[in-house]
Amino acid sequence: MTPGANVLSLALSVIGKQCIKYYRFIRRETNEIGIDLNRYAPPETLYASVQAVDRNVYPYLGLDFQKRYIRVYACKPLQDIGRDRSSDQIEFAHQRYQVLSDADWYHIDGWDGALCVQIH
């Protein structure tokens, strides 16, 4: 396989994929009482590979045992948190997740992977 071959797209044509809702972060606004609120675009339906994060790796990744995490692999860039911005959100199985970090291969190979934490 060579860069640009989009291995994830090939894999999703063979293995099962899940339907998720993707909420792209747009901007942060300050309301009338001074609280910053994040604004997201309307949900976009994506097909992705969603995988549970094994609790055995929580200590290695520095994750909180009181929270739930998933990994999402999609043929779309997923934005993690940055300076003066929030990250994108994912809805899967009626649960909402915040993107924590991503493995950005989108510009090289057409896919992105993200570690996400359940927020509600």
PDB file of N, CA and C in Angstrom:
ATOM      1  N   MET A   1       0.848  -1.180   0.000  1.00  0.00           N
ATOM      2  CA  MET A   1       0.000   0.000   0.000  1.00  0.00           C
ATOM      3  C   MET A   1       0.896   1.247   0.000  1.00  0.00           C
ATOM      4  N   THR A   2       0.452   2.239  -0.701  1.00  0.00           N
ATOM      5  CA  THR A   2       1.204   3.478  -0.808  1.00  0.00           C
ATOM      6  C   THR A   2       0.394   4.625  -0.239  1.00  0.00           C
ATOM      7  N   PRO A   3       1.076   5.694   0.202  1.00  0.00           N
ATOM      8  CA  PRO A   3       0.319   6.856   0.679  1.00  0.00           C
ATOM      9  C   PRO A   3      -0.639   7.330  -0.403  1.00  0.00           C
ATOM     10  N   GLY A   4      -1.820   7.712   0.018  1.00  0.00           N
ATOM     11  CA  GLY A   4      -2.845   8.148  -0.915  1.00  0.00           C
ATOM     12  C   GLY A   4      -3.789   7.027  -1.327  1.00  0.00           C
ATOM     13  N   ALA A   5      -3.514   5.801  -0.879  1.00  0.00           N
ATOM     14  CA  ALA A   5      -4.346   4.660  -1.247  1.00  0.00           C
ATOM     15  C   ALA A   5      -5.625   4.582  -0.415  1.00  0.00           C
ATOM     16  N   ASN A   6      -5.716   5.355   0.661  1.00  0.00           N
ATOM     17  CA  ASN A   6      -6.856   5.377   1.579  1.00  0.00           C
ATOM     18  C   ASN A   6      -7.204   3.971   2.051  1.00  0.00           C
ATOM     19  N   VAL A   7      -6.356   3.437   2.874  1.00  0.00           N
ATOM     20  CA  VAL A   7      -6.506   2.098   3.414  1.00  0.00           C
ATOM     21  C   VAL A   7      -7.815   1.965   4.198  1.00  0.00           C
ATOM     22  N   LEU A   8      -8.210   3.017   4.914  1.00  0.00           N
ATOM     23  CA  LEU A   8      -9.454   2.945   5.684  1.00  0.00           C
ATOM     24  C   LEU A   8     -10.658   2.755   4.770  1.00  0.00           C
ATOM     25  N   SER A   9     -10.721   3.476   3.683  1.00  0.00           N
ATOM     26  CA  SER A   9     -11.827   3.323   2.748  1.00  0.00           C
ATOM     27  C   SER A   9     -11.898   1.885   2.231  1.00  0.00           C
ATOM     28  N   LEU A  10     -10.755   1.321   1.924  1.00  0.00           N
ATOM     29  CA  LEU A  10     -10.696  -0.077   1.481  1.00  0.00           C
ATOM     30  C   LEU A  10     -11.184  -1.011   2.585  1.00  0.00           C
ATOM     31  N   ALA A  11     -10.717  -0.781   3.812  1.00  0.00           N
ATOM     32  CA  ALA A  11     -11.123  -1.632   4.940  1.00  0.00           C
ATOM     33  C   ALA A  11     -12.623  -1.525   5.211  1.00  0.00           C
ATOM     34  N   LEU A  12     -13.180  -0.308   5.125  1.00  0.00           N
ATOM     35  CA  LEU A  12     -14.608  -0.135   5.388  1.00  0.00           C
ATOM     36  C   LEU A  12     -15.478  -0.802   4.326  1.00  0.00           C
ATOM     37  N   SER A  13     -14.913  -1.073   3.168  1.00  0.00           N
ATOM     38  CA  SER A  13     -15.679  -1.783   2.145  1.00  0.00           C
ATOM     39  C   SER A  13     -15.733  -3.283   2.439  1.00  0.00           C
ATOM     40  N   VAL A  14     -14.859  -3.751   3.340  1.00  0.00           N
ATOM     41  CA  VAL A  14     -14.790  -5.176   3.666  1.00  0.00           C
ATOM     42  C   VAL A  14     -15.372  -5.464   5.046  1.00  0.00           C
ATOM     43  N   ILE A  15     -14.976  -4.659   6.053  1.00  0.00           N
ATOM     44  CA  ILE A  15     -15.466  -4.866   7.414  1.00  0.00           C
ATOM     45  C   ILE A  15     -16.711  -4.022   7.641  1.00  0.00           C
ATOM     46  N   GLY A  16     -17.377  -4.271   8.733  1.00  0.00           N
ATOM     47  CA  GLY A  16     -18.564  -3.490   9.058  1.00  0.00           C
ATOM     48  C   GLY A  16     -18.221  -2.056   9.404  1.00  0.00           C
ATOM     49  N   LYS A  17     -19.139  -1.160   9.102  1.00  0.00           N
ATOM     50  CA  LYS A  17     -18.963   0.238   9.463  1.00  0.00           C
ATOM     51  C   LYS A  17     -20.208   0.695  10.205  1.00  0.00           C
ATOM     52  N   GLN A  18     -20.048   1.730  10.978  1.00  0.00           N
ATOM     53  CA  GLN A  18     -21.144   2.241  11.775  1.00  0.00           C
ATOM     54  C   GLN A  18     -21.513   3.641  11.300  1.00  0.00           C
ATOM     55  N   CYS A  19     -22.766   3.976  11.472  1.00  0.00           N
ATOM     56  CA  CYS A  19     -23.261   5.304  11.139  1.00  0.00           C
ATOM     57  C   CYS A  19     -23.089   6.185  12.379  1.00  0.00           C
ATOM     58  N   ILE A  20     -22.434   7.318  12.217  1.00  0.00           N
ATOM     59  CA  ILE A  20     -22.250   8.259  13.315  1.00  0.00           C
ATOM     60  C   ILE A  20     -22.727   9.634  12.868  1.00  0.00           C
ATOM     61  N   LYS A  21     -22.969  10.499  13.836  1.00  0.00           N
ATOM     62  CA  LYS A  21     -23.244  11.902  13.542  1.00  0.00           C
ATOM     63  C   LYS A  21     -22.006  12.693  13.935  1.00  0.00           C
ATOM     64  N   TYR A  22     -21.589  13.549  13.032  1.00  0.00           N
ATOM     65  CA  TYR A  22     -20.381  14.348  13.222  1.00  0.00           C
ATOM     66  C   TYR A  22     -20.770  15.815  13.381  1.00  0.00           C
ATOM     67  N   TYR A  23     -20.315  16.443  14.476  1.00  0.00           N
ATOM     68  CA  TYR A  23     -20.582  17.841  14.753  1.00  0.00           C
ATOM     69  C   TYR A  23     -19.261  18.604  14.690  1.00  0.00           C
ATOM     70  N   ARG A  24     -19.103  19.409  13.652  1.00  0.00           N
ATOM     71  CA  ARG A  24     -17.875  20.185  13.472  1.00  0.00           C
ATOM     72  C   ARG A  24     -17.940  21.435  14.337  1.00  0.00           C
ATOM     73  N   PHE A  25     -16.873  21.691  15.091  1.00  0.00           N
ATOM     74  CA  PHE A  25     -16.784  22.904  15.898  1.00  0.00           C
ATOM     75  C   PHE A  25     -16.702  24.106  14.970  1.00  0.00           C
ATOM     76  N   ILE A  26     -17.519  25.134  15.250  1.00  0.00           N
ATOM     77  CA  ILE A  26     -17.510  26.347  14.435  1.00  0.00           C
ATOM     78  C   ILE A  26     -16.792  27.488  15.138  1.00  0.00           C
ATOM     79  N   ARG A  27     -17.260  27.826  16.328  1.00  0.00           N
ATOM     80  CA  ARG A  27     -16.664  28.956  17.039  1.00  0.00           C
ATOM     81  C   ARG A  27     -17.066  28.925  18.510  1.00  0.00           C
ATOM     82  N   ARG A  28     -16.398  29.768  19.262  1.00  0.00           N
ATOM     83  CA  ARG A  28     -16.716  29.960  20.680  1.00  0.00           C
ATOM     84  C   ARG A  28     -17.276  31.369  20.830  1.00  0.00           C
ATOM     85  N   GLU A  29     -18.406  31.472  21.518  1.00  0.00           N
ATOM     86  CA  GLU A  29     -19.044  32.765  21.757  1.00  0.00           C
ATOM     87  C   GLU A  29     -19.183  32.982  23.254  1.00  0.00           C
ATOM     88  N   THR A  30     -19.095  34.223  23.665  1.00  0.00           N
ATOM     89  CA  THR A  30     -19.311  34.571  25.067  1.00  0.00           C
ATOM     90  C   THR A  30     -20.733  35.088  25.210  1.00  0.00           C
ATOM     91  N   ASN A  31     -21.480  34.486  26.144  1.00  0.00           N
ATOM     92  CA  ASN A  31     -22.875  34.914  26.307  1.00  0.00           C
ATOM     93  C   ASN A  31     -22.955  36.180  27.160  1.00  0.00           C
ATOM     94  N   GLU A  32     -24.173  36.648  27.427  1.00  0.00           N
ATOM     95  CA  GLU A  32     -24.390  37.922  28.126  1.00  0.00           C
ATOM     96  C   GLU A  32     -23.881  37.933  29.561  1.00  0.00           C
ATOM     97  N   ILE A  33     -23.653  36.762  30.165  1.00  0.00           N
ATOM     98  CA  ILE A  33     -23.120  36.742  31.536  1.00  0.00           C
ATOM     99  C   ILE A  33     -21.654  36.320  31.573  1.00  0.00           C
ATOM    100  N   GLY A  34     -21.012  36.318  30.407  1.00  0.00           N
ATOM    101  CA  GLY A  34     -19.574  36.092  30.348  1.00  0.00           C
ATOM    102  C   GLY A  34     -19.125  34.643  30.259  1.00  0.00           C
ATOM    103  N   ILE A  35     -20.034  33.724  29.991  1.00  0.00           N
ATOM    104  CA  ILE A  35     -19.676  32.309  29.888  1.00  0.00           C
ATOM    105  C   ILE A  35     -19.432  31.967  28.424  1.00  0.00           C
ATOM    106  N   ASP A  36     -18.305  31.307  28.148  1.00  0.00           N
ATOM    107  CA  ASP A  36     -17.988  30.881  26.791  1.00  0.00           C
ATOM    108  C   ASP A  36     -18.824  29.665  26.412  1.00  0.00           C
ATOM    109  N   LEU A  37     -19.447  29.724  25.244  1.00  0.00           N
ATOM    110  CA  LEU A  37     -20.262  28.623  24.727  1.00  0.00           C
ATOM    111  C   LEU A  37     -19.704  28.198  23.380  1.00  0.00           C
ATOM    112  N   ASN A  38     -19.588  26.889  23.200  1.00  0.00           N
ATOM    113  CA  ASN A  38     -19.111  26.354  21.928  1.00  0.00           C
ATOM    114  C   ASN A  38     -20.281  26.191  20.971  1.00  0.00           C
ATOM    115  N   ARG A  39     -20.061  26.544  19.714  1.00  0.00           N
ATOM    116  CA  ARG A  39     -21.073  26.399  18.673  1.00  0.00           C
ATOM    117  C   ARG A  39     -20.600  25.362  17.668  1.00  0.00           C
ATOM    118  N   TYR A  40     -21.523  24.478  17.282  1.00  0.00           N
ATOM    119  CA  TYR A  40     -21.213  23.388  16.359  1.00  0.00           C
ATOM    120  C   TYR A  40     -22.113  23.461  15.137  1.00  0.00           C
ATOM    121  N   ALA A  41     -21.624  22.990  14.005  1.00  0.00           N
ATOM    122  CA  ALA A  41     -22.416  22.901  12.780  1.00  0.00           C
ATOM    123  C   ALA A  41     -23.493  21.840  12.983  1.00  0.00           C
ATOM    124  N   PRO A  42     -24.546  21.902  12.191  1.00  0.00           N
ATOM    125  CA  PRO A  42     -25.551  20.830  12.249  1.00  0.00           C
ATOM    126  C   PRO A  42     -24.883  19.479  11.975  1.00  0.00           C
ATOM    127  N   PRO A  43     -25.448  18.393  12.512  1.00  0.00           N
ATOM    128  CA  PRO A  43     -24.798  17.087  12.363  1.00  0.00           C
ATOM    129  C   PRO A  43     -24.708  16.631  10.914  1.00  0.00           C
ATOM    130  N   GLU A  44     -23.606  15.976  10.627  1.00  0.00           N
ATOM    131  CA  GLU A  44     -23.367  15.376   9.317  1.00  0.00           C
ATOM    132  C   GLU A  44     -23.276  13.866   9.541  1.00  0.00           C
ATOM    133  N   THR A  45     -23.975  13.093   8.741  1.00  0.00           N
ATOM    134  CA  THR A  45     -23.928  11.639   8.872  1.00  0.00           C
ATOM    135  C   THR A  45     -22.678  11.106   8.184  1.00  0.00           C
ATOM    136  N   LEU A  46     -21.915  10.302   8.914  1.00  0.00           N
ATOM    137  CA  LEU A  46     -20.704   9.676   8.383  1.00  0.00           C
ATOM    138  C   LEU A  46     -20.757   8.180   8.649  1.00  0.00           C
ATOM    139  N   TYR A  47     -20.064   7.440   7.818  1.00  0.00           N
ATOM    140  CA  TYR A  47     -19.848   6.016   8.086  1.00  0.00           C
ATOM    141  C   TYR A  47     -18.402   5.860   8.498  1.00  0.00           C
ATOM    142  N   ALA A  48     -18.200   5.198   9.618  1.00  0.00           N
ATOM    143  CA  ALA A  48     -16.873   5.106  10.213  1.00  0.00           C
ATOM    144  C   ALA A  48     -16.714   3.770  10.922  1.00  0.00           C
ATOM    145  N   SER A  49     -15.496   3.502  11.315  1.00  0.00           N
ATOM    146  CA  SER A  49     -15.224   2.362  12.189  1.00  0.00           C
ATOM    147  C   SER A  49     -15.134   2.908  13.605  1.00  0.00           C
ATOM    148  N   VAL A  50     -15.987   2.404  14.488  1.00  0.00           N
ATOM    149  CA  VAL A  50     -15.993   2.832  15.887  1.00  0.00           C
ATOM    150  C   VAL A  50     -15.575   1.645  16.723  1.00  0.00           C
ATOM    151  N   GLN A  51     -14.572   1.848  17.574  1.00  0.00           N
ATOM    152  CA  GLN A  51     -14.040   0.755  18.383  1.00  0.00           C
ATOM    153  C   GLN A  51     -13.917   1.179  19.835  1.00  0.00           C
ATOM    154  N   ALA A  52     -14.244   0.271  20.708  1.00  0.00           N
ATOM    155  CA  ALA A  52     -14.079   0.526  22.140  1.00  0.00           C
ATOM    156  C   ALA A  52     -12.600   0.591  22.474  1.00  0.00           C
ATOM    157  N   VAL A  53     -12.280   1.344  23.504  1.00  0.00           N
ATOM    158  CA  VAL A  53     -10.910   1.383  24.008  1.00  0.00           C
ATOM    159  C   VAL A  53     -10.843   0.428  25.184  1.00  0.00           C
ATOM    160  N   ASP A  54      -9.997  -0.559  25.082  1.00  0.00           N
ATOM    161  CA  ASP A  54      -9.846  -1.573  26.125  1.00  0.00           C
ATOM    162  C   ASP A  54      -9.343  -0.917  27.413  1.00  0.00           C
ATOM    163  N   ARG A  55     -10.011  -1.216  28.521  1.00  0.00           N
ATOM    164  CA  ARG A  55      -9.621  -0.621  29.809  1.00  0.00           C
ATOM    165  C   ARG A  55      -8.205  -1.001  30.224  1.00  0.00           C
ATOM    166  N   ASN A  56      -7.677  -2.072  29.661  1.00  0.00           N
ATOM    167  CA  ASN A  56      -6.301  -2.464  29.985  1.00  0.00           C
ATOM    168  C   ASN A  56      -5.275  -1.437  29.507  1.00  0.00           C
ATOM    169  N   VAL A  57      -5.626  -0.636  28.504  1.00  0.00           N
ATOM    170  CA  VAL A  57      -4.675   0.363  28.003  1.00  0.00           C
ATOM    171  C   VAL A  57      -4.889   1.747  28.613  1.00  0.00           C
ATOM    172  N   TYR A  58      -5.912   1.916  29.429  1.00  0.00           N
ATOM    173  CA  TYR A  58      -6.152   3.214  30.068  1.00  0.00           C
ATOM    174  C   TYR A  58      -4.905   3.752  30.778  1.00  0.00           C
ATOM    175  N   PRO A  59      -4.228   2.945  31.605  1.00  0.00           N
ATOM    176  CA  PRO A  59      -3.049   3.486  32.297  1.00  0.00           C
ATOM    177  C   PRO A  59      -1.953   3.960  31.330  1.00  0.00           C
ATOM    178  N   TYR A  60      -1.764   3.249  30.238  1.00  0.00           N
ATOM    179  CA  TYR A  60      -0.727   3.611  29.269  1.00  0.00           C
ATOM    180  C   TYR A  60      -1.059   4.898  28.533  1.00  0.00           C
ATOM    181  N   LEU A  61      -2.351   5.153  28.360  1.00  0.00           N
ATOM    182  CA  LEU A  61      -2.792   6.359  27.656  1.00  0.00           C
ATOM    183  C   LEU A  61      -3.106   7.508  28.611  1.00  0.00           C
ATOM    184  N   GLY A  62      -3.010   7.242  29.928  1.00  0.00           N
ATOM    185  CA  GLY A  62      -3.300   8.269  30.923  1.00  0.00           C
ATOM    186  C   GLY A  62      -4.777   8.618  31.005  1.00  0.00           C
ATOM    187  N   LEU A  63      -5.642   7.631  30.769  1.00  0.00           N
ATOM    188  CA  LEU A  63      -7.081   7.878  30.740  1.00  0.00           C
ATOM    189  C   LEU A  63      -7.717   7.664  32.108  1.00  0.00           C
ATOM    190  N   ASP A  64      -8.823   8.333  32.334  1.00  0.00           N
ATOM    191  CA  ASP A  64      -9.578   8.284  33.580  1.00  0.00           C
ATOM    192  C   ASP A  64     -10.493   7.055  33.573  1.00  0.00           C
ATOM    193  N   PHE A  65     -10.377   6.199  34.586  1.00  0.00           N
ATOM    194  CA  PHE A  65     -11.195   4.991  34.677  1.00  0.00           C
ATOM    195  C   PHE A  65     -12.674   5.300  34.925  1.00  0.00           C
ATOM    196  N   GLN A  66     -12.991   6.531  35.287  1.00  0.00           N
ATOM    197  CA  GLN A  66     -14.382   6.910  35.536  1.00  0.00           C
ATOM    198  C   GLN A  66     -15.107   7.334  34.255  1.00  0.00           C
ATOM    199  N   LYS A  67     -14.378   7.350  33.132  1.00  0.00           N
ATOM    200  CA  LYS A  67     -14.962   7.793  31.859  1.00  0.00           C
ATOM    201  C   LYS A  67     -14.926   6.672  30.833  1.00  0.00           C
ATOM    202  N   ARG A  68     -15.690   6.842  29.760  1.00  0.00           N
ATOM    203  CA  ARG A  68     -15.734   5.869  28.660  1.00  0.00           C
ATOM    204  C   ARG A  68     -15.123   6.511  27.421  1.00  0.00           C
ATOM    205  N   TYR A  69     -14.385   5.690  26.682  1.00  0.00           N
ATOM    206  CA  TYR A  69     -13.676   6.173  25.502  1.00  0.00           C
ATOM    207  C   TYR A  69     -13.943   5.268  24.302  1.00  0.00           C
ATOM    208  N   ILE A  70     -13.882   5.869  23.120  1.00  0.00           N
ATOM    209  CA  ILE A  70     -13.947   5.115  21.872  1.00  0.00           C
ATOM    210  C   ILE A  70     -12.878   5.668  20.933  1.00  0.00           C
ATOM    211  N   ARG A  71     -12.562   4.861  19.935  1.00  0.00           N
ATOM    212  CA  ARG A  71     -11.720   5.326  18.830  1.00  0.00           C
ATOM    213  C   ARG A  71     -12.615   5.346  17.598  1.00  0.00           C
ATOM    214  N   VAL A  72     -12.500   6.415  16.837  1.00  0.00           N
ATOM    215  CA  VAL A  72     -13.280   6.583  15.619  1.00  0.00           C
ATOM    216  C   VAL A  72     -12.308   6.757  14.458  1.00  0.00           C
ATOM    217  N   TYR A  73     -12.527   5.977  13.411  1.00  0.00           N
ATOM    218  CA  TYR A  73     -11.723   6.083  12.193  1.00  0.00           C
ATOM    219  C   TYR A  73     -12.683   6.437  11.060  1.00  0.00           C
ATOM    220  N   ALA A  74     -12.445   7.582  10.405  1.00  0.00           N
ATOM    221  CA  ALA A  74     -13.350   8.070   9.368  1.00  0.00           C
ATOM    222  C   ALA A  74     -12.570   8.660   8.198  1.00  0.00           C
ATOM    223  N   CYS A  75     -13.216   8.679   7.058  1.00  0.00           N
ATOM    224  CA  CYS A  75     -12.614   9.278   5.854  1.00  0.00           C
ATOM    225  C   CYS A  75     -12.983  10.758   5.820  1.00  0.00           C
ATOM    226  N   LYS A  76     -12.662  11.447   6.903  1.00  0.00           N
ATOM    227  CA  LYS A  76     -12.964  12.876   7.075  1.00  0.00           C
ATOM    228  C   LYS A  76     -12.004  13.414   8.129  1.00  0.00           C
ATOM    229  N   PRO A  77     -11.513  14.636   7.961  1.00  0.00           N
ATOM    230  CA  PRO A  77     -10.653  15.183   9.014  1.00  0.00           C
ATOM    231  C   PRO A  77     -11.456  15.449  10.283  1.00  0.00           C
ATOM    232  N   LEU A  78     -10.943  15.008  11.418  1.00  0.00           N
ATOM    233  CA  LEU A  78     -11.572  15.211  12.723  1.00  0.00           C
ATOM    234  C   LEU A  78     -10.655  16.139  13.519  1.00  0.00           C
ATOM    235  N   GLN A  79     -11.191  17.229  14.013  1.00  0.00           N
ATOM    236  CA  GLN A  79     -10.382  18.245  14.690  1.00  0.00           C
ATOM    237  C   GLN A  79     -10.351  18.012  16.189  1.00  0.00           C
ATOM    238  N   ASP A  80      -9.142  17.897  16.732  1.00  0.00           N
ATOM    239  CA  ASP A  80      -9.030  17.789  18.183  1.00  0.00           C
ATOM    240  C   ASP A  80      -8.917  19.188  18.781  1.00  0.00           C
ATOM    241  N   ILE A  81      -8.796  19.237  20.093  1.00  0.00           N
ATOM    242  CA  ILE A  81      -8.773  20.511  20.798  1.00  0.00           C
ATOM    243  C   ILE A  81      -7.504  21.283  20.444  1.00  0.00           C
ATOM    244  N   GLY A  82      -7.621  22.582  20.406  1.00  0.00           N
ATOM    245  CA  GLY A  82      -6.483  23.440  20.092  1.00  0.00           C
ATOM    246  C   GLY A  82      -6.579  24.742  20.865  1.00  0.00           C
ATOM    247  N   ARG A  83      -5.587  25.576  20.684  1.00  0.00           N
ATOM    248  CA  ARG A  83      -5.553  26.860  21.376  1.00  0.00           C
ATOM    249  C   ARG A  83      -6.760  27.706  20.949  1.00  0.00           C
ATOM    250  N   ASP A  84      -7.508  28.203  21.924  1.00  0.00           N
ATOM    251  CA  ASP A  84      -8.683  29.041  21.701  1.00  0.00           C
ATOM    252  C   ASP A  84      -9.776  28.372  20.868  1.00  0.00           C
ATOM    253  N   ARG A  85      -9.859  27.071  20.912  1.00  0.00           N
ATOM    254  CA  ARG A  85     -10.907  26.364  20.178  1.00  0.00           C
ATOM    255  C   ARG A  85     -11.224  25.056  20.880  1.00  0.00           C
ATOM    256  N   SER A  86     -12.432  24.589  20.687  1.00  0.00           N
ATOM    257  CA  SER A  86     -12.822  23.286  21.196  1.00  0.00           C
ATOM    258  C   SER A  86     -12.608  22.273  20.080  1.00  0.00           C
ATOM    259  N   SER A  87     -12.903  21.045  20.372  1.00  0.00           N
ATOM    260  CA  SER A  87     -12.763  20.012  19.349  1.00  0.00           C
ATOM    261  C   SER A  87     -14.140  19.628  18.812  1.00  0.00           C
ATOM    262  N   ASP A  88     -14.128  18.846  17.749  1.00  0.00           N
ATOM    263  CA  ASP A  88     -15.364  18.352  17.166  1.00  0.00           C
ATOM    264  C   ASP A  88     -16.008  17.336  18.117  1.00  0.00           C
ATOM    265  N   GLN A  89     -17.268  17.011  17.829  1.00  0.00           N
ATOM    266  CA  GLN A  89     -17.986  16.013  18.620  1.00  0.00           C
ATOM    267  C   GLN A  89     -18.572  14.944  17.704  1.00  0.00           C
ATOM    268  N   ILE A  90     -18.738  13.763  18.269  1.00  0.00           N
ATOM    269  CA  ILE A  90     -19.275  12.599  17.569  1.00  0.00           C
ATOM    270  C   ILE A  90     -20.466  12.083  18.375  1.00  0.00           C
ATOM    271  N   GLU A  91     -21.517  11.663  17.688  1.00  0.00           N
ATOM    272  CA  GLU A  91     -22.621  10.978  18.356  1.00  0.00           C
ATOM    273  C   GLU A  91     -22.681   9.565  17.804  1.00  0.00           C
ATOM    274  N   PHE A  92     -22.619   8.607  18.725  1.00  0.00           N
ATOM    275  CA  PHE A  92     -22.651   7.200  18.349  1.00  0.00           C
ATOM    276  C   PHE A  92     -23.451   6.442  19.387  1.00  0.00           C
ATOM    277  N   ALA A  93     -24.375   5.606  18.944  1.00  0.00           N
ATOM    278  CA  ALA A  93     -25.214   4.787  19.824  1.00  0.00           C
ATOM    279  C   ALA A  93     -25.903   5.639  20.891  1.00  0.00           C
ATOM    280  N   HIS A  94     -26.428   6.791  20.463  1.00  0.00           N
ATOM    281  CA  HIS A  94     -27.174   7.711  21.326  1.00  0.00           C
ATOM    282  C   HIS A  94     -26.326   8.321  22.433  1.00  0.00           C
ATOM    283  N   GLN A  95     -25.018   8.317  22.266  1.00  0.00           N
ATOM    284  CA  GLN A  95     -24.110   8.935  23.234  1.00  0.00           C
ATOM    285  C   GLN A  95     -23.266   9.976  22.510  1.00  0.00           C
ATOM    286  N   ARG A  96     -22.932  11.063  23.198  1.00  0.00           N
ATOM    287  CA  ARG A  96     -22.127  12.127  22.592  1.00  0.00           C
ATOM    288  C   ARG A  96     -20.711  12.029  23.120  1.00  0.00           C
ATOM    289  N   TYR A  97     -19.743  12.198  22.219  1.00  0.00           N
ATOM    290  CA  TYR A  97     -18.322  12.091  22.537  1.00  0.00           C
ATOM    291  C   TYR A  97     -17.580  13.327  22.048  1.00  0.00           C
ATOM    292  N   GLN A  98     -16.583  13.740  22.807  1.00  0.00           N
ATOM    293  CA  GLN A  98     -15.706  14.854  22.443  1.00  0.00           C
ATOM    294  C   GLN A  98     -14.406  14.275  21.899  1.00  0.00           C
ATOM    295  N   VAL A  99     -13.931  14.797  20.775  1.00  0.00           N
ATOM    296  CA  VAL A  99     -12.657  14.354  20.220  1.00  0.00           C
ATOM    297  C   VAL A  99     -11.533  14.874  21.113  1.00  0.00           C
ATOM    298  N   LEU A 100     -10.683  13.961  21.596  1.00  0.00           N
ATOM    299  CA  LEU A 100      -9.562  14.347  22.458  1.00  0.00           C
ATOM    300  C   LEU A 100      -8.270  14.530  21.670  1.00  0.00           C
ATOM    301  N   SER A 101      -7.986  13.579  20.832  1.00  0.00           N
ATOM    302  CA  SER A 101      -6.756  13.633  20.041  1.00  0.00           C
ATOM    303  C   SER A 101      -6.996  12.894  18.741  1.00  0.00           C
ATOM    304  N   ASP A 102      -6.210  13.251  17.743  1.00  0.00           N
ATOM    305  CA  ASP A 102      -6.413  12.574  16.470  1.00  0.00           C
ATOM    306  C   ASP A 102      -5.090  12.120  15.877  1.00  0.00           C
ATOM    307  N   ALA A 103      -5.187  11.115  15.034  1.00  0.00           N
ATOM    308  CA  ALA A 103      -4.059  10.604  14.247  1.00  0.00           C
ATOM    309  C   ALA A 103      -4.345  11.046  12.824  1.00  0.00           C
ATOM    310  N   ASP A 104      -3.906  12.243  12.488  1.00  0.00           N
ATOM    311  CA  ASP A 104      -4.287  12.883  11.235  1.00  0.00           C
ATOM    312  C   ASP A 104      -3.516  12.335  10.044  1.00  0.00           C
ATOM    313  N   TRP A 105      -4.159  11.433   9.332  1.00  0.00           N
ATOM    314  CA  TRP A 105      -3.625  10.896   8.088  1.00  0.00           C
ATOM    315  C   TRP A 105      -4.439  11.400   6.910  1.00  0.00           C
ATOM    316  N   TYR A 106      -5.355  12.349   7.172  1.00  0.00           N
ATOM    317  CA  TYR A 106      -6.280  12.763   6.135  1.00  0.00           C
ATOM    318  C   TYR A 106      -5.571  13.341   4.902  1.00  0.00           C
ATOM    319  N   HIS A 107      -4.613  14.225   5.110  1.00  0.00           N
ATOM    320  CA  HIS A 107      -3.949  14.869   3.977  1.00  0.00           C
ATOM    321  C   HIS A 107      -2.949  13.945   3.284  1.00  0.00           C
ATOM    322  N   ILE A 108      -2.587  12.862   3.940  1.00  0.00           N
ATOM    323  CA  ILE A 108      -1.654  11.904   3.346  1.00  0.00           C
ATOM    324  C   ILE A 108      -2.391  10.737   2.707  1.00  0.00           C
ATOM    325  N   ASP A 109      -3.393  10.210   3.450  1.00  0.00           N
ATOM    326  CA  ASP A 109      -4.027   8.976   2.995  1.00  0.00           C
ATOM    327  C   ASP A 109      -5.556   9.017   2.976  1.00  0.00           C
ATOM    328  N   GLY A 110      -6.164  10.159   3.293  1.00  0.00           N
ATOM    329  CA  GLY A 110      -7.607  10.294   3.172  1.00  0.00           C
ATOM    330  C   GLY A 110      -8.426   9.785   4.345  1.00  0.00           C
ATOM    331  N   TRP A 111      -7.806   9.578   5.508  1.00  0.00           N
ATOM    332  CA  TRP A 111      -8.576   9.140   6.675  1.00  0.00           C
ATOM    333  C   TRP A 111      -7.994   9.768   7.934  1.00  0.00           C
ATOM    334  N   ASP A 112      -8.769   9.713   8.994  1.00  0.00           N
ATOM    335  CA  ASP A 112      -8.356  10.260  10.283  1.00  0.00           C
ATOM    336  C   ASP A 112      -8.855   9.328  11.378  1.00  0.00           C
ATOM    337  N   GLY A 113      -8.107   9.236  12.441  1.00  0.00           N
ATOM    338  CA  GLY A 113      -8.508   8.445  13.598  1.00  0.00           C
ATOM    339  C   GLY A 113      -8.505   9.340  14.821  1.00  0.00           C
ATOM    340  N   ALA A 114      -9.457   9.139  15.714  1.00  0.00           N
ATOM    341  CA  ALA A 114      -9.564  10.002  16.886  1.00  0.00           C
ATOM    342  C   ALA A 114      -9.917   9.212  18.137  1.00  0.00           C
ATOM    343  N   LEU A 115      -9.299   9.617  19.229  1.00  0.00           N
ATOM    344  CA  LEU A 115      -9.661   9.119  20.551  1.00  0.00           C
ATOM    345  C   LEU A 115     -10.717  10.085  21.075  1.00  0.00           C
ATOM    346  N   CYS A 116     -11.861   9.549  21.525  1.00  0.00           N
ATOM    347  CA  CYS A 116     -12.982  10.368  21.969  1.00  0.00           C
ATOM    348  C   CYS A 116     -13.427   9.951  23.367  1.00  0.00           C
ATOM    349  N   VAL A 117     -13.899  10.921  24.142  1.00  0.00           N
ATOM    350  CA  VAL A 117     -14.398  10.652  25.485  1.00  0.00           C
ATOM    351  C   VAL A 117     -15.891  10.968  25.525  1.00  0.00           C
ATOM    352  N   GLN A 118     -16.649  10.097  26.214  1.00  0.00           N
ATOM    353  CA  GLN A 118     -18.099  10.301  26.337  1.00  0.00           C
ATOM    354  C   GLN A 118     -18.371  11.509  27.208  1.00  0.00           C
ATOM    355  N   ILE A 119     -19.230  12.406  26.717  1.00  0.00           N
ATOM    356  CA  ILE A 119     -19.568  13.604  27.501  1.00  0.00           C
ATOM    357  C   ILE A 119     -21.014  13.575  27.975  1.00  0.00           C
ATOM    358  N   HIS A 120     -21.902  12.831  27.293  1.00  0.00           N
ATOM    359  CA  HIS A 120     -23.286  12.578  27.746  1.00  0.00           C
ATOM    360  C   HIS A 120     -23.994  11.711  26.741  1.00  0.00           C
TER     361      HIS A 120
END
